[in-house]
């Protein structure tokens, strides 16, 4: 399975559109959004996405109930919550924005998850710690680092490919 991963979109519509186009071209099976959509109008862009979304709320996501409502309006299989634990293609995932560092550290150190995905720091990361893959796709917006990045995880190969927008 191919999973598109992005986060910290922070209202940057051109980069969000690029990311969605890449995910559609790559025929990803699912997209994980690591939080910080920021404004509600951003959600409308995801109507163009050809897969479902698992998302978590970021510390800059204000209209939480409307955000959830709008994501579910796109497709009732979309999911958004503060944290998410799910099995995908035989791998146990924990998804968080990462602004609750204690929760992130507990998930990474617990040994319960094959993959931990988070955002918040805007710093891309792909490493293995005690057999747990840790992924931060960086920032889709490119505001803080000057480099807009997303990624695609191949669950069969446990391989991650960074994509610069």
Protein backbone atom coordinates (compact mmCIF):
# COMPACT_ATOMS: atom_id res chain seq x y z
CA UNK A 1 0.00 0.00 0.00
CA UNK A 2 1.14 3.54 -0.74
CA UNK A 3 0.41 6.18 1.88
CA UNK A 4 0.82 9.88 1.17
CA UNK A 5 2.00 11.82 4.21
CA UNK A 6 1.89 15.57 4.73
CA UNK A 7 1.44 18.05 7.52
CA UNK A 8 1.73 21.65 8.53
CA UNK A 9 -0.04 22.87 5.42
CA UNK A 10 -0.79 26.22 7.11
CA UNK A 11 -3.15 27.50 4.40
CA UNK A 12 -0.53 27.36 1.62
CA UNK A 13 -2.99 26.58 -1.18
CA UNK A 14 -0.49 26.26 -4.08
CA UNK A 15 1.53 23.64 -2.18
CA UNK A 16 -1.59 21.83 -1.00
CA UNK A 17 -2.74 21.60 -4.62
CA UNK A 18 0.69 20.31 -5.69
CA UNK A 19 0.65 17.69 -2.93
CA UNK A 20 -2.85 16.49 -3.87
CA UNK A 21 -1.85 16.30 -7.52
CA UNK A 22 1.25 14.25 -6.68
CA UNK A 23 -0.73 11.90 -4.42
CA UNK A 24 -3.30 11.41 -7.19
CA UNK A 25 -0.62 10.86 -9.84
CA UNK A 26 1.13 8.34 -7.56
CA UNK A 27 -2.22 6.65 -6.89
CA UNK A 28 -1.75 6.58 -3.14
CA UNK A 29 -4.25 4.43 -1.28
CA UNK A 30 -4.52 6.72 1.73
CA UNK A 31 -3.29 10.13 2.91
CA UNK A 32 -2.19 10.94 6.44
CA UNK A 33 -2.33 14.63 7.40
CA UNK A 34 -0.29 15.36 10.53
CA UNK A 35 -2.24 18.45 11.55
CA UNK A 36 -2.24 22.21 11.16
CA UNK A 37 -4.57 22.60 8.22
CA UNK A 38 -5.24 25.96 9.98
CA UNK A 39 -8.22 27.51 8.12
CA UNK A 40 -11.41 25.75 7.11
CA UNK A 41 -11.25 26.84 3.46
CA UNK A 42 -8.23 24.54 3.03
CA UNK A 43 -10.45 21.49 3.43
CA UNK A 44 -12.23 22.24 0.15
CA UNK A 45 -8.97 21.53 -1.71
CA UNK A 46 -9.04 17.93 -0.49
CA UNK A 47 -12.20 17.26 -2.52
CA UNK A 48 -9.77 16.71 -5.43
CA UNK A 49 -7.94 13.93 -3.56
CA UNK A 50 -8.62 10.43 -4.91
CA UNK A 51 -8.13 8.70 -1.55
CA UNK A 52 -9.33 8.92 2.01
CA UNK A 53 -7.68 11.00 4.71
CA UNK A 54 -6.67 10.14 8.23
CA UNK A 55 -5.88 13.41 9.98
CA UNK A 56 -5.07 14.71 13.43
CA UNK A 57 -5.72 18.14 14.84
CA UNK A 58 -2.73 20.44 15.11
CA UNK A 59 -2.18 23.18 17.65
CA UNK A 60 -3.16 25.80 15.03
CA UNK A 61 -6.42 24.12 13.99
CA UNK A 62 -9.16 26.26 15.49
CA UNK A 63 -12.58 25.30 14.14
CA UNK A 64 -12.28 21.66 15.17
CA UNK A 65 -15.93 20.65 14.89
CA UNK A 66 -16.34 22.34 11.49
CA UNK A 67 -13.04 20.86 10.33
CA UNK A 68 -14.33 17.39 11.18
CA UNK A 69 -17.70 18.11 9.59
CA UNK A 70 -16.14 19.36 6.34
CA UNK A 71 -13.74 16.40 6.11
CA UNK A 72 -16.65 14.00 6.60
CA UNK A 73 -18.67 15.89 3.99
CA UNK A 74 -15.94 15.05 1.46
CA UNK A 75 -16.11 11.37 2.39
CA UNK A 76 -17.65 9.76 5.46
CA UNK A 77 -14.66 7.41 5.69
CA UNK A 78 -12.29 10.31 6.45
CA UNK A 79 -11.08 10.44 10.05
CA UNK A 80 -9.81 13.27 12.24
CA UNK A 81 -8.98 13.16 15.96
CA UNK A 82 -6.34 14.36 18.42
CA UNK A 83 -4.38 11.12 18.15
CA UNK A 84 -5.00 8.08 16.06
CA UNK A 85 -3.94 4.46 16.44
CA UNK A 86 -4.72 2.22 13.48
CA UNK A 87 -3.52 -0.91 11.74
CA UNK A 88 -2.78 -0.41 8.06
CA UNK A 89 -1.54 -3.21 5.84
CA UNK A 90 -0.42 -5.22 8.86
CA UNK A 91 1.49 -2.31 10.44
CA UNK A 92 0.43 -0.60 13.66
CA UNK A 93 0.44 3.19 13.22
CA UNK A 94 0.28 5.98 15.78
CA UNK A 95 -0.50 9.39 14.30
CA UNK A 96 -0.23 12.68 16.17
CA UNK A 97 0.57 16.29 15.47
CA UNK A 98 3.40 16.15 17.97
CA UNK A 99 2.73 19.25 20.05
CA UNK A 100 2.11 17.01 23.07
CA UNK A 101 5.71 15.84 23.22
CA UNK A 102 5.07 13.48 26.13
CA UNK A 103 2.46 11.58 24.09
CA UNK A 104 4.78 11.42 21.07
CA UNK A 105 7.66 10.14 23.21
CA UNK A 106 5.44 7.53 24.87
CA UNK A 107 4.24 6.25 21.50
CA UNK A 108 7.78 6.03 20.14
CA UNK A 109 9.16 4.31 23.24
CA UNK A 110 6.19 2.02 23.89
CA UNK A 111 7.16 -0.69 21.43
CA UNK A 112 3.48 -0.94 20.49
CA UNK A 113 3.79 0.68 17.06
CA UNK A 114 5.55 -0.18 13.83
CA UNK A 115 5.19 3.39 12.53
CA UNK A 116 4.81 6.72 14.35
CA UNK A 117 3.87 9.69 12.18
CA UNK A 118 3.89 13.27 13.43
CA UNK A 119 4.34 16.89 12.37
CA UNK A 120 4.52 20.14 14.38
CA UNK A 121 8.30 20.71 14.28
CA UNK A 122 8.30 21.43 10.51
CA UNK A 123 11.53 19.36 10.41
CA UNK A 124 11.51 16.30 8.19
CA UNK A 125 12.60 13.06 9.77
CA UNK A 126 12.73 9.43 8.74
CA UNK A 127 14.49 7.09 11.12
CA UNK A 128 14.11 3.82 12.94
CA UNK A 129 14.22 3.63 16.71
CA UNK A 130 13.86 0.22 18.41
CA UNK A 131 12.16 -1.23 15.32
CA UNK A 132 9.71 1.68 15.09
CA UNK A 133 9.72 3.78 11.94
CA UNK A 134 9.43 7.45 12.88
CA UNK A 135 8.25 9.81 10.16
CA UNK A 136 7.84 13.57 10.10
CA UNK A 137 7.14 14.72 6.53
CA UNK A 138 8.41 18.23 7.25
CA UNK A 139 6.24 21.14 6.25
CA UNK A 140 4.01 21.28 3.20
CA UNK A 141 3.83 25.06 3.54
CA UNK A 142 7.58 25.68 3.41
CA UNK A 143 7.24 28.77 5.61
CA UNK A 144 9.75 28.00 8.36
CA UNK A 145 12.43 25.92 6.66
CA UNK A 146 12.11 27.33 3.15
CA UNK A 147 11.61 23.78 1.86
CA UNK A 148 8.13 22.40 1.25
CA UNK A 149 8.08 18.61 1.60
CA UNK A 150 5.66 15.70 1.64
CA UNK A 151 6.28 11.97 1.43
CA UNK A 152 5.03 8.60 0.35
CA UNK A 153 5.40 5.47 2.46
CA UNK A 154 5.36 2.05 0.80
CA UNK A 155 4.09 -0.25 3.54
CA UNK A 156 5.24 -3.45 1.82
CA UNK A 157 8.86 -2.28 1.57
CA UNK A 158 8.74 -0.02 4.66
CA UNK A 159 10.36 2.54 2.37
CA UNK A 160 9.74 6.26 2.54
CA UNK A 161 10.27 8.67 -0.31
CA UNK A 162 10.55 12.38 0.39
CA UNK A 163 9.13 14.70 -2.24
CA UNK A 164 10.11 18.36 -2.47
CA UNK A 165 7.32 20.54 -3.80
